[in-house]
């Protein structure tokens, strides 16, 4: 089983390459692919040097079974179907196919059963959606009818440009509008991630609603909240309130027990020691803390996850690993 990484030179692509070092999919060196201008760059993998190939019509996909795409929506729209036509399964990290009928949108711990076998496009959800659902799935059986989720999203969610902007401004450099943020980020935060629609809901906020509904097969679920960009390099944080249609004095205990045994989740019992972004940069699990029920018809919790890893590269690799098991 051999893999390819499309967008191998970017932040997420580089994380994918590092993850493959310890993955069954990395037994054979992956094919590294990027834009033609990046062709010829070299990266180390398990002690050998791999050369980046340009993404063009001359790219040789023979022997490739699964491709991890981390190159943006327009690239995925153009190239993912071509890879599938050549017998390659594609796990796409962009938003290009997430809401397409017939394309599974997957968090393996949540709905891994929808992963198809054989060549197909499989979509990786938005980073905030993944982090939220890792904490929500273990307690989903409690039956919340409405979610209020405010996110505090790191600059690396905007890629290398976001990291560069924070470093530049933190070092005394000037704010450059639109590169990539609409407001200064050093010493600042702003509730504007993506354009707002006619209802005032931003692209990022709409993604959580639409993607949660699809992944959980819950078309009537209500998810609302505010997505905020914060001056943190890495790891998204979420404040989630789950609202129920009835009171239950035992709900908090049930939720605590479920989260304690959840796959891919670290549950912080001590309310005085909540998870925070800094120490969790580079961590694979999602951390949950400050679980509380000040009112008997709701639960509140705080969630932190590395959006470059579980929110992007790690989830993509895990989907590919799960796919590989479906084909033997």
Foldseek 3Di string as FASTA:
>chain_A
DEEEEEQCPFLLNVVLQVVLLPDPNVPDPHAYEYACVQFQDWDDHPHDIHTYDHPDPPDDCPPHAEYEYDHEQVCCVPPLVVCLVVWHAYEYAYPNCLLPPPAAEDQCLQPVVPQDATHDYHYYAFLVLLQVCLLCRLLCVVPFQEKEKEKAFEQCSVTPLSVVQLVQVVVVHDHDDPSPHNDRAHVDKDQADADADPVRAHPVQVSNLSNVCRRNVPVNGYYHYTYMYHHDHWKMKMKMKGFAPDFDPCSLVSSVVSQVPRPLEAEDEDQVDADDAPVQAVPRGKYKYPWDPPDRGMIIIMIMHGCSDSVGSVSSVVSVSSNVVVHD
